[in-house]
Amino acid sequence: AYADCMVKDHVAAVELFENGSASLTDKDLKKFVDKTLPTLRDH
């Protein structure tokens, strides 16, 4: 159940961060998003 949850959660997290990368204009948040997104994809 933990493994299944981690797959689903990280699909949702990647989608959230992709949306953030595409739409956020705040400089610091955008930098955080773009730096974190590759790690979430690895997760």
PDB file of all heavy atoms in Angstrom:
ATOM      1  N   ALA A   1       0.826  -1.202   0.000  1.00  0.00           N
ATOM      2  CA  ALA A   1       0.000   0.000   0.000  1.00  0.00           C
ATOM      3  C   ALA A   1       0.865   1.258   0.000  1.00  0.00           C
ATOM      4  O   ALA A   1       0.523   2.258  -0.654  1.00  0.00           O
ATOM      5  CB  ALA A   1      -0.926  -0.006   1.219  1.00  0.00           C
ATOM      6  N   TYR A   2       1.984   1.211   0.695  1.00  0.00           N
ATOM      7  CA  TYR A   2       2.905   2.354   0.730  1.00  0.00           C
ATOM      8  C   TYR A   2       3.490   2.603  -0.653  1.00  0.00           C
ATOM      9  O   TYR A   2       3.529   3.747  -1.129  1.00  0.00           O
ATOM     10  CB  TYR A   2       4.017   2.087   1.735  1.00  0.00           C
ATOM     11  CG  TYR A   2       5.095   3.155   1.779  1.00  0.00           C
ATOM     12  CD1 TYR A   2       4.791   4.467   2.133  1.00  0.00           C
ATOM     13  CD2 TYR A   2       6.418   2.837   1.468  1.00  0.00           C
ATOM     14  CE1 TYR A   2       5.782   5.451   2.173  1.00  0.00           C
ATOM     15  CE2 TYR A   2       7.410   3.813   1.511  1.00  0.00           C
ATOM     16  CZ  TYR A   2       7.087   5.108   1.864  1.00  0.00           C
ATOM     17  OH  TYR A   2       8.070   6.077   1.897  1.00  0.00           O
ATOM     18  N   ALA A   3       3.923   1.550  -1.323  1.00  0.00           N
ATOM     19  CA  ALA A   3       4.471   1.701  -2.675  1.00  0.00           C
ATOM     20  C   ALA A   3       3.423   2.250  -3.638  1.00  0.00           C
ATOM     21  O   ALA A   3       3.704   3.154  -4.436  1.00  0.00           O
ATOM     22  CB  ALA A   3       5.010   0.363  -3.171  1.00  0.00           C
ATOM     23  N   ASP A   4       2.208   1.714  -3.567  1.00  0.00           N
ATOM     24  CA  ASP A   4       1.128   2.210  -4.424  1.00  0.00           C
ATOM     25  C   ASP A   4       0.855   3.689  -4.153  1.00  0.00           C
ATOM     26  O   ASP A   4       0.664   4.491  -5.078  1.00  0.00           O
ATOM     27  CB  ASP A   4      -0.152   1.406  -4.196  1.00  0.00           C
ATOM     28  CG  ASP A   4      -0.052  -0.031  -4.671  1.00  0.00           C
ATOM     29  OD1 ASP A   4       0.889  -0.351  -5.436  1.00  0.00           O
ATOM     30  OD2 ASP A   4      -0.905  -0.848  -4.271  1.00  0.00           O
ATOM     31  N   CYS A   5       0.830   4.055  -2.875  1.00  0.00           N
ATOM     32  CA  CYS A   5       0.588   5.442  -2.491  1.00  0.00           C
ATOM     33  C   CYS A   5       1.685   6.357  -3.018  1.00  0.00           C
ATOM     34  O   CYS A   5       1.403   7.463  -3.508  1.00  0.00           O
ATOM     35  CB  CYS A   5       0.508   5.535  -0.969  1.00  0.00           C
ATOM     36  SG  CYS A   5       0.304   7.211  -0.322  1.00  0.00           S
ATOM     37  N   MET A   6       2.924   5.900  -2.950  1.00  0.00           N
ATOM     38  CA  MET A   6       4.036   6.728  -3.406  1.00  0.00           C
ATOM     39  C   MET A   6       3.989   6.972  -4.913  1.00  0.00           C
ATOM     40  O   MET A   6       4.332   8.052  -5.385  1.00  0.00           O
ATOM     41  CB  MET A   6       5.373   6.094  -3.012  1.00  0.00           C
ATOM     42  CG  MET A   6       5.661   6.115  -1.520  1.00  0.00           C
ATOM     43  SD  MET A   6       5.741   7.816  -0.830  1.00  0.00           S
ATOM     44  CE  MET A   6       4.087   7.991  -0.146  1.00  0.00           C
ATOM     45  N   VAL A   7       3.569   5.973  -5.668  1.00  0.00           N
ATOM     46  CA  VAL A   7       3.419   6.172  -7.111  1.00  0.00           C
ATOM     47  C   VAL A   7       2.352   7.230  -7.377  1.00  0.00           C
ATOM     48  O   VAL A   7       2.578   8.202  -8.110  1.00  0.00           O
ATOM     49  CB  VAL A   7       3.049   4.848  -7.818  1.00  0.00           C
ATOM     50  CG1 VAL A   7       2.656   5.112  -9.273  1.00  0.00           C
ATOM     51  CG2 VAL A   7       4.220   3.870  -7.764  1.00  0.00           C
ATOM     52  N   LYS A   8       1.195   7.080  -6.763  1.00  0.00           N
ATOM     53  CA  LYS A   8       0.095   8.017  -7.003  1.00  0.00           C
ATOM     54  C   LYS A   8       0.437   9.422  -6.503  1.00  0.00           C
ATOM     55  O   LYS A   8       0.168  10.420  -7.193  1.00  0.00           O
ATOM     56  CB  LYS A   8      -1.172   7.513  -6.304  1.00  0.00           C
ATOM     57  CG  LYS A   8      -1.750   6.269  -6.939  1.00  0.00           C
ATOM     58  CD  LYS A   8      -3.027   5.843  -6.235  1.00  0.00           C
ATOM     59  CE  LYS A   8      -3.655   4.631  -6.894  1.00  0.00           C
ATOM     60  NZ  LYS A   8      -4.904   4.213  -6.223  1.00  0.00           N
ATOM     61  N   ASP A   9       1.023   9.484  -5.329  1.00  0.00           N
ATOM     62  CA  ASP A   9       1.357  10.798  -4.772  1.00  0.00           C
ATOM     63  C   ASP A   9       2.365  11.539  -5.639  1.00  0.00           C
ATOM     64  O   ASP A   9       2.286  12.765  -5.803  1.00  0.00           O
ATOM     65  CB  ASP A   9       1.929  10.648  -3.363  1.00  0.00           C
ATOM     66  CG  ASP A   9       0.843  10.483  -2.303  1.00  0.00           C
ATOM     67  OD1 ASP A   9      -0.349  10.469  -2.673  1.00  0.00           O
ATOM     68  OD2 ASP A   9       1.191  10.379  -1.112  1.00  0.00           O
ATOM     69  N   HIS A  10       3.319  10.817  -6.184  1.00  0.00           N
ATOM     70  CA  HIS A  10       4.344  11.500  -6.982  1.00  0.00           C
ATOM     71  C   HIS A  10       3.846  11.849  -8.386  1.00  0.00           C
ATOM     72  O   HIS A  10       4.332  12.804  -8.988  1.00  0.00           O
ATOM     73  CB  HIS A  10       5.630  10.678  -7.012  1.00  0.00           C
ATOM     74  CG  HIS A  10       6.419  10.830  -5.751  1.00  0.00           C
ATOM     75  ND1 HIS A  10       6.280   9.951  -4.692  1.00  0.00           N
ATOM     76  CD2 HIS A  10       7.298  11.780  -5.358  1.00  0.00           C
ATOM     77  CE1 HIS A  10       7.073  10.357  -3.704  1.00  0.00           C
ATOM     78  NE2 HIS A  10       7.697  11.467  -4.081  1.00  0.00           N
ATOM     79  N   VAL A  11       2.886  11.114  -8.900  1.00  0.00           N
ATOM     80  CA  VAL A  11       2.237  11.553 -10.135  1.00  0.00           C
ATOM     81  C   VAL A  11       1.543  12.898  -9.876  1.00  0.00           C
ATOM     82  O   VAL A  11       1.672  13.851 -10.651  1.00  0.00           O
ATOM     83  CB  VAL A  11       1.221  10.515 -10.641  1.00  0.00           C
ATOM     84  CG1 VAL A  11       0.349  11.103 -11.742  1.00  0.00           C
ATOM     85  CG2 VAL A  11       1.934   9.281 -11.163  1.00  0.00           C
ATOM     86  N   ALA A  12       0.807  12.970  -8.767  1.00  0.00           N
ATOM     87  CA  ALA A  12       0.098  14.205  -8.429  1.00  0.00           C
ATOM     88  C   ALA A  12       1.071  15.346  -8.142  1.00  0.00           C
ATOM     89  O   ALA A  12       0.834  16.491  -8.537  1.00  0.00           O
ATOM     90  CB  ALA A  12      -0.810  13.964  -7.225  1.00  0.00           C
ATOM     91  N   ALA A  13       2.173  15.035  -7.456  1.00  0.00           N
ATOM     92  CA  ALA A  13       3.155  16.077  -7.131  1.00  0.00           C
ATOM     93  C   ALA A  13       3.825  16.615  -8.391  1.00  0.00           C
ATOM     94  O   ALA A  13       4.024  17.832  -8.527  1.00  0.00           O
ATOM     95  CB  ALA A  13       4.205  15.522  -6.172  1.00  0.00           C
ATOM     96  N   VAL A  14       4.183  15.730  -9.305  1.00  0.00           N
ATOM     97  CA  VAL A  14       4.793  16.183 -10.559  1.00  0.00           C
ATOM     98  C   VAL A  14       3.818  17.061 -11.332  1.00  0.00           C
ATOM     99  O   VAL A  14       4.200  18.107 -11.879  1.00  0.00           O
ATOM    100  CB  VAL A  14       5.247  14.982 -11.414  1.00  0.00           C
ATOM    101  CG1 VAL A  14       5.616  15.436 -12.830  1.00  0.00           C
ATOM    102  CG2 VAL A  14       6.442  14.293 -10.768  1.00  0.00           C
ATOM    103  N   GLU A  15       2.559  16.679 -11.359  1.00  0.00           N
ATOM    104  CA  GLU A  15       1.569  17.504 -12.058  1.00  0.00           C
ATOM    105  C   GLU A  15       1.463  18.886 -11.414  1.00  0.00           C
ATOM    106  O   GLU A  15       1.426  19.909 -12.114  1.00  0.00           O
ATOM    107  CB  GLU A  15       0.203  16.823 -12.049  1.00  0.00           C
ATOM    108  CG  GLU A  15      -0.858  17.617 -12.814  1.00  0.00           C
ATOM    109  CD  GLU A  15      -2.218  16.957 -12.801  1.00  0.00           C
ATOM    110  OE1 GLU A  15      -2.358  15.872 -12.212  1.00  0.00           O
ATOM    111  OE2 GLU A  15      -3.150  17.547 -13.369  1.00  0.00           O
ATOM    112  N   LEU A  16       1.422  18.925 -10.083  1.00  0.00           N
ATOM    113  CA  LEU A  16       1.350  20.198  -9.379  1.00  0.00           C
ATOM    114  C   LEU A  16       2.554  21.073  -9.716  1.00  0.00           C
ATOM    115  O   LEU A  16       2.411  22.270 -10.010  1.00  0.00           O
ATOM    116  CB  LEU A  16       1.286  19.954  -7.866  1.00  0.00           C
ATOM    117  CG  LEU A  16       1.392  21.194  -6.982  1.00  0.00           C
ATOM    118  CD1 LEU A  16       0.175  22.101  -7.156  1.00  0.00           C
ATOM    119  CD2 LEU A  16       1.556  20.794  -5.515  1.00  0.00           C
ATOM    120  N   PHE A  17       3.749  20.488  -9.679  1.00  0.00           N
ATOM    121  CA  PHE A  17       4.958  21.269  -9.935  1.00  0.00           C
ATOM    122  C   PHE A  17       5.069  21.669 -11.410  1.00  0.00           C
ATOM    123  O   PHE A  17       5.591  22.735 -11.724  1.00  0.00           O
ATOM    124  CB  PHE A  17       6.190  20.491  -9.482  1.00  0.00           C
ATOM    125  CG  PHE A  17       6.511  20.685  -8.019  1.00  0.00           C
ATOM    126  CD1 PHE A  17       5.657  20.210  -7.039  1.00  0.00           C
ATOM    127  CD2 PHE A  17       7.662  21.346  -7.624  1.00  0.00           C
ATOM    128  CE1 PHE A  17       5.934  20.388  -5.689  1.00  0.00           C
ATOM    129  CE2 PHE A  17       7.952  21.544  -6.286  1.00  0.00           C
ATOM    130  CZ  PHE A  17       7.088  21.063  -5.307  1.00  0.00           C
ATOM    131  N   GLU A  18       4.580  20.835 -12.306  1.00  0.00           N
ATOM    132  CA  GLU A  18       4.563  21.228 -13.720  1.00  0.00           C
ATOM    133  C   GLU A  18       3.630  22.418 -13.925  1.00  0.00           C
ATOM    134  O   GLU A  18       3.951  23.352 -14.676  1.00  0.00           O
ATOM    135  CB  GLU A  18       4.134  20.053 -14.589  1.00  0.00           C
ATOM    136  CG  GLU A  18       5.206  18.987 -14.749  1.00  0.00           C
ATOM    137  CD  GLU A  18       4.747  17.807 -15.585  1.00  0.00           C
ATOM    138  OE1 GLU A  18       3.520  17.651 -15.760  1.00  0.00           O
ATOM    139  OE2 GLU A  18       5.601  17.040 -16.046  1.00  0.00           O
ATOM    140  N   ASN A  19       2.471  22.384 -13.274  1.00  0.00           N
ATOM    141  CA  ASN A  19       1.560  23.523 -13.359  1.00  0.00           C
ATOM    142  C   ASN A  19       2.209  24.773 -12.774  1.00  0.00           C
ATOM    143  O   ASN A  19       2.069  25.877 -13.308  1.00  0.00           O
ATOM    144  CB  ASN A  19       0.255  23.211 -12.612  1.00  0.00           C
ATOM    145  CG  ASN A  19      -0.599  22.185 -13.328  1.00  0.00           C
ATOM    146  OD1 ASN A  19      -0.468  21.994 -14.533  1.00  0.00           O
ATOM    147  ND2 ASN A  19      -1.465  21.511 -12.590  1.00  0.00           N
ATOM    148  N   GLY A  20       2.922  24.590 -11.655  1.00  0.00           N
ATOM    149  CA  GLY A  20       3.614  25.719 -11.050  1.00  0.00           C
ATOM    150  C   GLY A  20       4.695  26.277 -11.935  1.00  0.00           C
ATOM    151  O   GLY A  20       4.850  27.499 -12.066  1.00  0.00           O
ATOM    152  N   SER A  21       5.444  25.395 -12.562  1.00  0.00           N
ATOM    153  CA  SER A  21       6.514  25.841 -13.452  1.00  0.00           C
ATOM    154  C   SER A  21       5.965  26.644 -14.623  1.00  0.00           C
ATOM    155  O   SER A  21       6.590  27.602 -15.089  1.00  0.00           O
ATOM    156  CB  SER A  21       7.303  24.632 -13.969  1.00  0.00           C
ATOM    157  OG  SER A  21       8.358  25.038 -14.815  1.00  0.00           O
ATOM    158  N   ALA A  22       4.793  26.240 -15.099  1.00  0.00           N
ATOM    159  CA  ALA A  22       4.208  26.897 -16.270  1.00  0.00           C
ATOM    160  C   ALA A  22       3.515  28.214 -15.928  1.00  0.00           C
ATOM    161  O   ALA A  22       3.415  29.100 -16.787  1.00  0.00           O
ATOM    162  CB  ALA A  22       3.208  25.957 -16.938  1.00  0.00           C
ATOM    163  N   SER A  23       3.042  28.372 -14.683  1.00  0.00           N
ATOM    164  CA  SER A  23       2.186  29.523 -14.405  1.00  0.00           C
ATOM    165  C   SER A  23       2.703  30.467 -13.322  1.00  0.00           C
ATOM    166  O   SER A  23       2.277  31.623 -13.275  1.00  0.00           O
ATOM    167  CB  SER A  23       0.780  29.045 -14.007  1.00  0.00           C
ATOM    168  OG  SER A  23       0.826  28.243 -12.836  1.00  0.00           O
ATOM    169  N   LEU A  24       3.592  30.022 -12.455  1.00  0.00           N
ATOM    170  CA  LEU A  24       4.071  30.902 -11.389  1.00  0.00           C
ATOM    171  C   LEU A  24       5.035  31.949 -11.946  1.00  0.00           C
ATOM    172  O   LEU A  24       5.906  31.635 -12.754  1.00  0.00           O
ATOM    173  CB  LEU A  24       4.770  30.088 -10.295  1.00  0.00           C
ATOM    174  CG  LEU A  24       3.877  29.211  -9.423  1.00  0.00           C
ATOM    175  CD1 LEU A  24       4.729  28.328  -8.522  1.00  0.00           C
ATOM    176  CD2 LEU A  24       2.918  30.061  -8.582  1.00  0.00           C
ATOM    177  N   THR A  25       4.873  33.171 -11.485  1.00  0.00           N
ATOM    178  CA  THR A  25       5.779  34.243 -11.899  1.00  0.00           C
ATOM    179  C   THR A  25       6.665  34.713 -10.746  1.00  0.00           C
ATOM    180  O   THR A  25       7.608  35.463 -10.968  1.00  0.00           O
ATOM    181  CB  THR A  25       4.983  35.439 -12.441  1.00  0.00           C
ATOM    182  OG1 THR A  25       4.068  35.899 -11.436  1.00  0.00           O
ATOM    183  CG2 THR A  25       4.212  35.043 -13.691  1.00  0.00           C
ATOM    184  N   ASP A  26       6.335  34.294  -9.533  1.00  0.00           N
ATOM    185  CA  ASP A  26       7.156  34.633  -8.378  1.00  0.00           C
ATOM    186  C   ASP A  26       8.553  34.033  -8.553  1.00  0.00           C
ATOM    187  O   ASP A  26       8.701  32.832  -8.745  1.00  0.00           O
ATOM    188  CB  ASP A  26       6.492  34.081  -7.104  1.00  0.00           C
ATOM    189  CG  ASP A  26       7.301  34.371  -5.857  1.00  0.00           C
ATOM    190  OD1 ASP A  26       8.281  33.632  -5.624  1.00  0.00           O
ATOM    191  OD2 ASP A  26       6.970  35.321  -5.133  1.00  0.00           O
ATOM    192  N   LYS A  27       9.563  34.871  -8.507  1.00  0.00           N
ATOM    193  CA  LYS A  27      10.928  34.451  -8.828  1.00  0.00           C
ATOM    194  C   LYS A  27      11.423  33.325  -7.927  1.00  0.00           C
ATOM    195  O   LYS A  27      11.949  32.318  -8.419  1.00  0.00           O
ATOM    196  CB  LYS A  27      11.870  35.653  -8.736  1.00  0.00           C
ATOM    197  CG  LYS A  27      13.317  35.327  -9.075  1.00  0.00           C
ATOM    198  CD  LYS A  27      14.187  36.571  -8.971  1.00  0.00           C
ATOM    199  CE  LYS A  27      15.648  36.222  -9.250  1.00  0.00           C
ATOM    200  NZ  LYS A  27      16.518  37.437  -9.143  1.00  0.00           N
ATOM    201  N   ASP A  28      11.279  33.479  -6.619  1.00  0.00           N
ATOM    202  CA  ASP A  28      11.805  32.480  -5.691  1.00  0.00           C
ATOM    203  C   ASP A  28      11.035  31.164  -5.772  1.00  0.00           C
ATOM    204  O   ASP A  28      11.622  30.081  -5.727  1.00  0.00           O
ATOM    205  CB  ASP A  28      11.780  33.015  -4.262  1.00  0.00           C
ATOM    206  CG  ASP A  28      12.793  34.128  -4.043  1.00  0.00           C
ATOM    207  OD1 ASP A  28      13.805  34.158  -4.787  1.00  0.00           O
ATOM    208  OD2 ASP A  28      12.583  34.967  -3.150  1.00  0.00           O
ATOM    209  N   LEU A  29       9.706  31.254  -5.870  1.00  0.00           N
ATOM    210  CA  LEU A  29       8.906  30.034  -5.989  1.00  0.00           C
ATOM    211  C   LEU A  29       9.213  29.308  -7.290  1.00  0.00           C
ATOM    212  O   LEU A  29       9.322  28.075  -7.323  1.00  0.00           O
ATOM    213  CB  LEU A  29       7.410  30.363  -5.930  1.00  0.00           C
ATOM    214  CG  LEU A  29       6.734  30.362  -4.560  1.00  0.00           C
ATOM    215  CD1 LEU A  29       5.249  30.675  -4.710  1.00  0.00           C
ATOM    216  CD2 LEU A  29       6.935  29.041  -3.834  1.00  0.00           C
ATOM    217  N   LYS A  30       9.333  30.063  -8.376  1.00  0.00           N
ATOM    218  CA  LYS A  30       9.626  29.456  -9.676  1.00  0.00           C
ATOM    219  C   LYS A  30      10.982  28.744  -9.636  1.00  0.00           C
ATOM    220  O   LYS A  30      11.132  27.634 -10.176  1.00  0.00           O
ATOM    221  CB  LYS A  30       9.637  30.550 -10.751  1.00  0.00           C
ATOM    222  CG  LYS A  30       9.891  30.055 -12.167  1.00  0.00           C
ATOM    223  CD  LYS A  30       8.707  29.276 -12.710  1.00  0.00           C
ATOM    224  CE  LYS A  30       8.765  29.157 -14.235  1.00  0.00           C
ATOM    225  NZ  LYS A  30      10.025  28.583 -14.743  1.00  0.00           N
ATOM    226  N   LYS A  31      11.965  29.362  -9.010  1.00  0.00           N
ATOM    227  CA  LYS A  31      13.277  28.735  -8.890  1.00  0.00           C
ATOM    228  C   LYS A  31      13.190  27.449  -8.087  1.00  0.00           C
ATOM    229  O   LYS A  31      13.787  26.420  -8.441  1.00  0.00           O
ATOM    230  CB  LYS A  31      14.254  29.710  -8.225  1.00  0.00           C
ATOM    231  CG  LYS A  31      15.666  29.171  -8.083  1.00  0.00           C
ATOM    232  CD  LYS A  31      16.575  30.216  -7.451  1.00  0.00           C
ATOM    233  CE  LYS A  31      17.991  29.666  -7.269  1.00  0.00           C
ATOM    234  NZ  LYS A  31      18.881  30.683  -6.636  1.00  0.00           N
ATOM    235  N   PHE A  32      12.423  27.488  -6.986  1.00  0.00           N
ATOM    236  CA  PHE A  32      12.221  26.293  -6.163  1.00  0.00           C
ATOM    237  C   PHE A  32      11.556  25.182  -6.959  1.00  0.00           C
ATOM    238  O   PHE A  32      11.967  24.019  -6.909  1.00  0.00           O
ATOM    239  CB  PHE A  32      11.379  26.651  -4.938  1.00  0.00           C
ATOM    240  CG  PHE A  32      10.880  25.462  -4.166  1.00  0.00           C
ATOM    241  CD1 PHE A  32      11.721  24.762  -3.317  1.00  0.00           C
ATOM    242  CD2 PHE A  32       9.563  25.044  -4.295  1.00  0.00           C
ATOM    243  CE1 PHE A  32      11.265  23.661  -2.606  1.00  0.00           C
ATOM    244  CE2 PHE A  32       9.088  23.943  -3.591  1.00  0.00           C
ATOM    245  CZ  PHE A  32       9.943  23.247  -2.748  1.00  0.00           C
ATOM    246  N   VAL A  33      10.522  25.542  -7.697  1.00  0.00           N
ATOM    247  CA  VAL A  33       9.784  24.557  -8.491  1.00  0.00           C
ATOM    248  C   VAL A  33      10.687  23.899  -9.519  1.00  0.00           C
ATOM    249  O   VAL A  33      10.743  22.664  -9.633  1.00  0.00           O
ATOM    250  CB  VAL A  33       8.585  25.222  -9.195  1.00  0.00           C
ATOM    251  CG1 VAL A  33       8.003  24.305 -10.259  1.00  0.00           C
ATOM    252  CG2 VAL A  33       7.510  25.591  -8.176  1.00  0.00           C
ATOM    253  N   ASP A  34      11.403  24.694 -10.278  1.00  0.00           N
ATOM    254  CA  ASP A  34      12.213  24.151 -11.365  1.00  0.00           C
ATOM    255  C   ASP A  34      13.392  23.321 -10.850  1.00  0.00           C
ATOM    256  O   ASP A  34      13.854  22.398 -11.532  1.00  0.00           O
ATOM    257  CB  ASP A  34      12.720  25.291 -12.253  1.00  0.00           C
ATOM    258  CG  ASP A  34      11.593  25.931 -13.051  1.00  0.00           C
ATOM    259  OD1 ASP A  34      10.536  25.291 -13.207  1.00  0.00           O
ATOM    260  OD2 ASP A  34      11.766  27.084 -13.508  1.00  0.00           O
ATOM    261  N   LYS A  35      13.870  23.636  -9.661  1.00  0.00           N
ATOM    262  CA  LYS A  35      14.962  22.853  -9.085  1.00  0.00           C
ATOM    263  C   LYS A  35      14.455  21.548  -8.480  1.00  0.00           C
ATOM    264  O   LYS A  35      15.168  20.540  -8.485  1.00  0.00           O
ATOM    265  CB  LYS A  35      15.684  23.680  -8.005  1.00  0.00           C
ATOM    266  CG  LYS A  35      16.944  23.012  -7.479  1.00  0.00           C
ATOM    267  CD  LYS A  35      17.677  23.918  -6.515  1.00  0.00           C
ATOM    268  CE  LYS A  35      18.958  23.228  -6.015  1.00  0.00           C
ATOM    269  NZ  LYS A  35      19.712  24.086  -5.069  1.00  0.00           N
ATOM    270  N   THR A  36      13.227  21.558  -7.979  1.00  0.00           N
ATOM    271  CA  THR A  36      12.670  20.393  -7.294  1.00  0.00           C
ATOM    272  C   THR A  36      12.032  19.400  -8.248  1.00  0.00           C
ATOM    273  O   THR A  36      12.029  18.193  -7.991  1.00  0.00           O
ATOM    274  CB  THR A  36      11.626  20.846  -6.252  1.00  0.00           C
ATOM    275  OG1 THR A  36      12.218  21.796  -5.360  1.00  0.00           O
ATOM    276  CG2 THR A  36      11.110  19.668  -5.435  1.00  0.00           C
ATOM    277  N   LEU A  37      11.495  19.882  -9.347  1.00  0.00           N
ATOM    278  CA  LEU A  37      10.751  19.026 -10.273  1.00  0.00           C
ATOM    279  C   LEU A  37      11.542  17.804 -10.760  1.00  0.00           C
ATOM    280  O   LEU A  37      10.996  16.692 -10.790  1.00  0.00           O
ATOM    281  CB  LEU A  37      10.258  19.863 -11.455  1.00  0.00           C
ATOM    282  CG  LEU A  37       9.332  19.192 -12.466  1.00  0.00           C
ATOM    283  CD1 LEU A  37       8.154  18.494 -11.789  1.00  0.00           C
ATOM    284  CD2 LEU A  37       8.833  20.222 -13.479  1.00  0.00           C
ATOM    285  N   PRO A  38      12.816  17.935 -11.141  1.00  0.00           N
ATOM    286  CA  PRO A  38      13.554  16.732 -11.570  1.00  0.00           C
ATOM    287  C   PRO A  38      13.646  15.668 -10.481  1.00  0.00           C
ATOM    288  O   PRO A  38      13.587  14.466 -10.765  1.00  0.00           O
ATOM    289  CB  PRO A  38      14.940  17.282 -11.929  1.00  0.00           C
ATOM    290  CG  PRO A  38      14.710  18.723 -12.255  1.00  0.00           C
ATOM    291  CD  PRO A  38      13.628  19.157 -11.317  1.00  0.00           C
ATOM    292  N   THR A  39      13.765  16.105  -9.233  1.00  0.00           N
ATOM    293  CA  THR A  39      13.838  15.152  -8.132  1.00  0.00           C
ATOM    294  C   THR A  39      12.516  14.418  -7.958  1.00  0.00           C
ATOM    295  O   THR A  39      12.487  13.216  -7.696  1.00  0.00           O
ATOM    296  CB  THR A  39      14.216  15.871  -6.831  1.00  0.00           C
ATOM    297  OG1 THR A  39      15.472  16.522  -7.018  1.00  0.00           O
ATOM    298  CG2 THR A  39      14.331  14.893  -5.679  1.00  0.00           C
ATOM    299  N   LEU A  40      11.415  15.128  -8.103  1.00  0.00           N
ATOM    300  CA  LEU A  40      10.107  14.486  -7.991  1.00  0.00           C
ATOM    301  C   LEU A  40       9.909  13.457  -9.093  1.00  0.00           C
ATOM    302  O   LEU A  40       9.311  12.397  -8.874  1.00  0.00           O
ATOM    303  CB  LEU A  40       8.997  15.537  -8.040  1.00  0.00           C
ATOM    304  CG  LEU A  40       8.937  16.503  -6.855  1.00  0.00           C
ATOM    305  CD1 LEU A  40       7.854  17.552  -7.084  1.00  0.00           C
ATOM    306  CD2 LEU A  40       8.688  15.748  -5.553  1.00  0.00           C
ATOM    307  N   ARG A  41      10.406  13.753 -10.277  1.00  0.00           N
ATOM    308  CA  ARG A  41      10.313  12.778 -11.366  1.00  0.00           C
ATOM    309  C   ARG A  41      11.154  11.538 -11.043  1.00  0.00           C
ATOM    310  O   ARG A  41      10.738  10.404 -11.331  1.00  0.00           O
ATOM    311  CB  ARG A  41      10.759  13.418 -12.672  1.00  0.00           C
ATOM    312  CG  ARG A  41       9.762  14.425 -13.224  1.00  0.00           C
ATOM    313  CD  ARG A  41      10.271  15.101 -14.473  1.00  0.00           C
ATOM    314  NE  ARG A  41       9.260  15.987 -15.059  1.00  0.00           N
ATOM    315  CZ  ARG A  41       9.544  17.112 -15.684  1.00  0.00           C
ATOM    316  NH1 ARG A  41      10.794  17.524 -15.785  1.00  0.00           N
ATOM    317  NH2 ARG A  41       8.573  17.860 -16.193  1.00  0.00           N
ATOM    318  N   ASP A  42      12.317  11.755 -10.456  1.00  0.00           N
ATOM    319  CA  ASP A  42      13.130  10.611 -10.023  1.00  0.00           C
ATOM    320  C   ASP A  42      12.406   9.805  -8.948  1.00  0.00           C
ATOM    321  O   ASP A  42      12.429   8.577  -8.951  1.00  0.00           O
ATOM    322  CB  ASP A  42      14.474  11.095  -9.479  1.00  0.00           C
ATOM    323  CG  ASP A  42      15.464  11.418 -10.581  1.00  0.00           C
ATOM    324  OD1 ASP A  42      15.219  11.022 -11.739  1.00  0.00           O
ATOM    325  OD2 ASP A  42      16.475  12.071 -10.296  1.00  0.00           O
ATOM    326  N   HIS A  43      11.761  10.509  -8.032  1.00  0.00           N
ATOM    327  CA  HIS A  43      11.003   9.814  -6.982  1.00  0.00           C
ATOM    328  C   HIS A  43       9.907   8.941  -7.587  1.00  0.00           C
ATOM    329  O   HIS A  43       9.662   7.829  -7.114  1.00  0.00           O
ATOM    330  CB  HIS A  43      10.365  10.831  -6.037  1.00  0.00           C
ATOM    331  CG  HIS A  43      11.336  11.494  -5.115  1.00  0.00           C
ATOM    332  ND1 HIS A  43      10.949  12.449  -4.199  1.00  0.00           N
ATOM    333  CD2 HIS A  43      12.678  11.339  -4.956  1.00  0.00           C
ATOM    334  CE1 HIS A  43      12.009  12.861  -3.521  1.00  0.00           C
ATOM    335  NE2 HIS A  43      13.063  12.204  -3.976  1.00  0.00           N
TER     336      HIS A  43
END
